[in-house]
Amino acid sequence: MKRLYRSSTERVIAGVCGGLGIYFDKDPVLFRILFVIITILWGTGILLYLVMWISVPKDTKRLQGAGK
């Protein structure tokens, strides 16, 4: 079963968009642009990003595998 994690490799700030990109098998840039558009249009993009930063766990398996 697939789970959503914050990416430890595809990250700019907290890895939220990178994690979404991995989960949906899409380019993380699309999610970054989407967050910017949501912020500009409705002003809730930053709040949504912060909530996901707090609630979505970090992908520690990829981080441990990168060190080997």
Protein backbone atom coordinates (compact mmCIF):
# COMPACT_ATOMS: atom_id res chain seq x y z
CA MET A 1 0.00 0.00 0.00
CA LYS A 2 1.28 3.43 -0.96
CA ARG A 3 1.77 6.05 1.75
CA LEU A 4 2.44 9.75 1.46
CA TYR A 5 5.75 10.91 2.94
CA ARG A 6 7.71 14.15 2.78
CA SER A 7 10.65 13.54 0.49
CA SER A 8 14.14 13.68 1.94
CA THR A 9 15.74 13.89 -1.51
CA GLU A 10 13.31 15.92 -3.67
CA ARG A 11 13.00 18.91 -1.37
CA VAL A 12 13.27 22.67 -1.55
CA ILE A 13 11.81 23.65 1.83
CA ALA A 14 10.29 20.69 3.67
CA GLY A 15 9.85 18.01 1.00
CA VAL A 16 6.06 18.26 0.82
CA CYS A 17 5.88 18.84 -2.93
CA GLY A 18 8.60 16.27 -3.55
CA GLY A 19 6.60 13.73 -1.56
CA LEU A 20 3.45 14.55 -3.49
CA GLY A 21 5.39 14.15 -6.73
CA ILE A 22 6.64 10.72 -5.71
CA TYR A 23 3.22 9.63 -4.45
CA PHE A 24 1.36 10.68 -7.62
CA ASP A 25 4.31 9.90 -9.95
CA LYS A 26 4.39 13.48 -11.25
CA ASP A 27 7.02 16.20 -11.37
CA PRO A 28 7.25 18.00 -7.99
CA VAL A 29 7.44 21.33 -9.85
CA LEU A 30 3.76 20.92 -10.75
CA PHE A 31 2.84 20.77 -7.07
CA ARG A 32 5.06 23.75 -6.27
CA ILE A 33 3.30 25.78 -8.97
CA LEU A 34 -0.07 24.59 -7.65
CA PHE A 35 0.76 25.77 -4.11
CA VAL A 36 1.79 29.18 -5.48
CA ILE A 37 -1.43 29.48 -7.50
CA ILE A 38 -3.56 28.49 -4.50
CA THR A 39 -1.71 31.05 -2.38
CA ILE A 40 -2.25 33.84 -4.92
CA LEU A 41 -5.91 33.07 -5.63
CA TRP A 42 -7.23 32.11 -2.21
CA GLY A 43 -4.38 32.78 0.21
CA THR A 44 -4.56 29.33 1.76
CA GLY A 45 -1.63 27.67 -0.03
CA ILE A 46 0.89 28.56 2.66
CA LEU A 47 -1.43 27.33 5.41
CA LEU A 48 -2.06 24.08 3.52
CA TYR A 49 1.69 23.60 3.03
CA LEU A 50 2.37 24.19 6.74
CA VAL A 51 -0.34 21.71 7.76
CA MET A 52 1.13 19.09 5.43
CA TRP A 53 4.64 19.84 6.73
CA ILE A 54 3.46 19.09 10.27
CA SER A 55 1.14 16.16 9.54
CA VAL A 56 2.94 14.20 6.80
CA PRO A 57 5.83 12.09 8.13
CA LYS A 58 9.33 12.39 6.68
CA ASP A 59 10.58 9.58 4.47
CA THR A 60 13.36 8.16 6.62
CA LYS A 61 13.76 4.97 4.56
CA ARG A 62 15.06 6.87 1.53
CA LEU A 63 17.36 8.92 3.73
CA GLN A 64 18.86 5.82 5.33
CA GLY A 65 19.23 4.10 1.95
CA ALA A 66 21.09 7.10 0.52
CA GLY A 67 23.85 6.76 3.10
CA LYS A 68 24.73 3.18 2.12
